Amino acid sequence: MSRFEWLIVIAMLAIASAVTLGHLDGTPLGRWLSGEPLPALEARADDRVFYAIPVLALLIWWSSRLFPDKRDFLRTGAYVLVGVGVLYALYLMIG
């Protein structure tokens, strides 16, 4: 990706972070940031998919070595998958 594309991604993340941090009142993450202990987390069926994300990203990263002409595409896919997993974890913490 070019520097301009990275700049756009960083700007979008900054905007999303500012909006998220501005609306944390009453959420578990907001209470935790203000010093209260975290409540016990409930187990959901989605957790199995969440736990599979690092394994899938590792398999994609490993497969990038098998296909040298698709290496950048597959590594970017692995990064995106890990990023989506992190965003999903934050979504579960906030909601």
C-alpha atoms as a PDB file:
ATOM      1  CA  MET A   1       0.000   0.000   0.000  1.00  0.00           C
ATOM      2  CA  SER A   2       1.159   3.508  -0.677  1.00  0.00           C
ATOM      3  CA  ARG A   3       1.783   6.088   2.013  1.00  0.00           C
ATOM      4  CA  PHE A   4      -1.411   7.897   1.084  1.00  0.00           C
ATOM      5  CA  GLU A   5      -3.460   4.723   1.624  1.00  0.00           C
ATOM      6  CA  TRP A   6      -1.819   4.169   5.006  1.00  0.00           C
ATOM      7  CA  LEU A   7      -2.606   7.768   5.898  1.00  0.00           C
ATOM      8  CA  ILE A   8      -6.286   7.191   5.066  1.00  0.00           C
ATOM      9  CA  VAL A   9      -6.375   4.000   7.166  1.00  0.00           C
ATOM     10  CA  ILE A  10      -4.753   5.745  10.141  1.00  0.00           C
ATOM     11  CA  ALA A  11      -7.159   8.690   9.844  1.00  0.00           C
ATOM     12  CA  MET A  12     -10.163   6.352   9.789  1.00  0.00           C
ATOM     13  CA  LEU A  13      -8.852   4.491  12.850  1.00  0.00           C
ATOM     14  CA  ALA A  14      -8.300   7.787  14.676  1.00  0.00           C
ATOM     15  CA  ILE A  15     -11.857   8.913  13.915  1.00  0.00           C
ATOM     16  CA  ALA A  16     -13.307   5.558  14.995  1.00  0.00           C
ATOM     17  CA  SER A  17     -11.248   5.616  18.198  1.00  0.00           C
ATOM     18  CA  ALA A  18     -12.373   9.158  19.049  1.00  0.00           C
ATOM     19  CA  VAL A  19     -16.018   8.249  18.518  1.00  0.00           C
ATOM     20  CA  THR A  20     -15.667   5.065  20.550  1.00  0.00           C
ATOM     21  CA  LEU A  21     -13.899   6.771  23.444  1.00  0.00           C
ATOM     22  CA  GLY A  22     -16.549   9.504  23.459  1.00  0.00           C
ATOM     23  CA  HIS A  23     -19.397   7.018  23.944  1.00  0.00           C
ATOM     24  CA  LEU A  24     -18.095   4.678  26.642  1.00  0.00           C
ATOM     25  CA  ASP A  25     -20.353   5.819  29.486  1.00  0.00           C
ATOM     26  CA  GLY A  26     -22.214   2.862  30.931  1.00  0.00           C
ATOM     27  CA  THR A  27     -20.333   0.199  28.976  1.00  0.00           C
ATOM     28  CA  PRO A  28     -18.142  -2.445  30.649  1.00  0.00           C
ATOM     29  CA  LEU A  29     -15.061  -1.018  28.936  1.00  0.00           C
ATOM     30  CA  GLY A  30     -15.912   2.499  30.120  1.00  0.00           C
ATOM     31  CA  ARG A  31     -16.391   1.322  33.687  1.00  0.00           C
ATOM     32  CA  TRP A  32     -13.094  -0.601  33.519  1.00  0.00           C
ATOM     33  CA  LEU A  33     -11.250   2.471  32.234  1.00  0.00           C
ATOM     34  CA  SER A  34     -12.666   4.473  35.139  1.00  0.00           C
ATOM     35  CA  GLY A  35     -11.230   1.959  37.624  1.00  0.00           C
ATOM     36  CA  GLU A  36     -14.017  -0.532  38.295  1.00  0.00           C
ATOM     37  CA  PRO A  37     -13.370  -4.285  37.977  1.00  0.00           C
ATOM     38  CA  LEU A  38     -14.521  -6.074  34.841  1.00  0.00           C
ATOM     39  CA  PRO A  39     -17.672  -8.188  35.155  1.00  0.00           C
ATOM     40  CA  ALA A  40     -17.557 -11.921  34.437  1.00  0.00           C
ATOM     41  CA  LEU A  41     -17.782 -12.569  30.717  1.00  0.00           C
ATOM     42  CA  GLU A  42     -20.498 -14.790  29.333  1.00  0.00           C
ATOM     43  CA  ALA A  43     -19.578 -17.598  26.946  1.00  0.00           C
ATOM     44  CA  ARG A  44     -21.157 -17.309  23.504  1.00  0.00           C
ATOM     45  CA  ALA A  45     -21.260 -19.553  20.472  1.00  0.00           C
ATOM     46  CA  ASP A  46     -19.295 -16.880  18.597  1.00  0.00           C
ATOM     47  CA  ASP A  47     -16.311 -17.557  20.855  1.00  0.00           C
ATOM     48  CA  ARG A  48     -15.401 -20.651  18.838  1.00  0.00           C
ATOM     49  CA  VAL A  49     -15.062 -18.537  15.701  1.00  0.00           C
ATOM     50  CA  PHE A  50     -13.133 -15.919  17.668  1.00  0.00           C
ATOM     51  CA  TYR A  51     -10.638 -18.524  18.914  1.00  0.00           C
ATOM     52  CA  ALA A  52     -10.172 -19.876  15.369  1.00  0.00           C
ATOM     53  CA  ILE A  53      -9.070 -16.496  13.963  1.00  0.00           C
ATOM     54  CA  PRO A  54      -5.383 -16.741  15.051  1.00  0.00           C
ATOM     55  CA  VAL A  55      -5.119 -20.281  13.678  1.00  0.00           C
ATOM     56  CA  LEU A  56      -6.647 -19.220  10.357  1.00  0.00           C
ATOM     57  CA  ALA A  57      -4.308 -16.224  10.152  1.00  0.00           C
ATOM     58  CA  LEU A  58      -1.328 -18.502  10.827  1.00  0.00           C
ATOM     59  CA  LEU A  59      -2.434 -20.898   8.082  1.00  0.00           C
ATOM     60  CA  ILE A  60      -2.843 -18.019   5.629  1.00  0.00           C
ATOM     61  CA  TRP A  61       0.597 -16.674   6.569  1.00  0.00           C
ATOM     62  CA  TRP A  62       2.119 -20.123   6.110  1.00  0.00           C
ATOM     63  CA  SER A  63       0.414 -20.624   2.758  1.00  0.00           C
ATOM     64  CA  SER A  64       1.925 -17.362   1.526  1.00  0.00           C
ATOM     65  CA  ARG A  65       5.269 -19.190   1.339  1.00  0.00           C
ATOM     66  CA  LEU A  66       3.768 -21.810  -0.955  1.00  0.00           C
ATOM     67  CA  PHE A  67       2.549 -19.226  -3.464  1.00  0.00           C
ATOM     68  CA  PRO A  68       5.347 -16.687  -4.012  1.00  0.00           C
ATOM     69  CA  ASP A  69       3.366 -14.730  -6.607  1.00  0.00           C
ATOM     70  CA  LYS A  70       0.497 -14.237  -4.120  1.00  0.00           C
ATOM     71  CA  ARG A  71       2.673 -13.594  -1.044  1.00  0.00           C
ATOM     72  CA  ASP A  72       1.706  -9.947  -0.485  1.00  0.00           C
ATOM     73  CA  PHE A  73      -1.988 -10.666  -1.002  1.00  0.00           C
ATOM     74  CA  LEU A  74      -2.041 -13.567   1.456  1.00  0.00           C
ATOM     75  CA  ARG A  75       0.012 -11.765   4.108  1.00  0.00           C
ATOM     76  CA  THR A  76      -2.281  -8.760   3.864  1.00  0.00           C
ATOM     77  CA  GLY A  77      -5.228 -11.136   4.282  1.00  0.00           C
ATOM     78  CA  ALA A  78      -3.645 -12.556   7.435  1.00  0.00           C
ATOM     79  CA  TYR A  79      -3.160  -9.056   8.837  1.00  0.00           C
ATOM     80  CA  VAL A  80      -6.742  -8.122   8.011  1.00  0.00           C
ATOM     81  CA  LEU A  81      -8.031 -11.299   9.673  1.00  0.00           C
ATOM     82  CA  VAL A  82      -6.091 -10.587  12.877  1.00  0.00           C
ATOM     83  CA  GLY A  83      -7.300  -6.970  12.773  1.00  0.00           C
ATOM     84  CA  VAL A  84     -10.908  -8.095  12.436  1.00  0.00           C
ATOM     85  CA  GLY A  85     -10.385 -10.447  15.375  1.00  0.00           C
ATOM     86  CA  VAL A  86      -9.071  -7.608  17.525  1.00  0.00           C
ATOM     87  CA  LEU A  87     -11.965  -5.364  16.514  1.00  0.00           C
ATOM     88  CA  TYR A  88     -14.427  -8.148  17.305  1.00  0.00           C
ATOM     89  CA  ALA A  89     -12.855  -8.620  20.741  1.00  0.00           C
ATOM     90  CA  LEU A  90     -13.163  -4.885  21.405  1.00  0.00           C
ATOM     91  CA  TYR A  91     -16.782  -5.007  20.244  1.00  0.00           C
ATOM     92  CA  LEU A  92     -17.481  -7.794  22.738  1.00  0.00           C
ATOM     93  CA  MET A  93     -15.798  -5.790  25.517  1.00  0.00           C
ATOM     94  CA  ILE A  94     -17.762  -2.622  24.738  1.00  0.00           C
ATOM     95  CA  GLY A  95     -21.150  -4.224  24.160  1.00  0.00           C
END
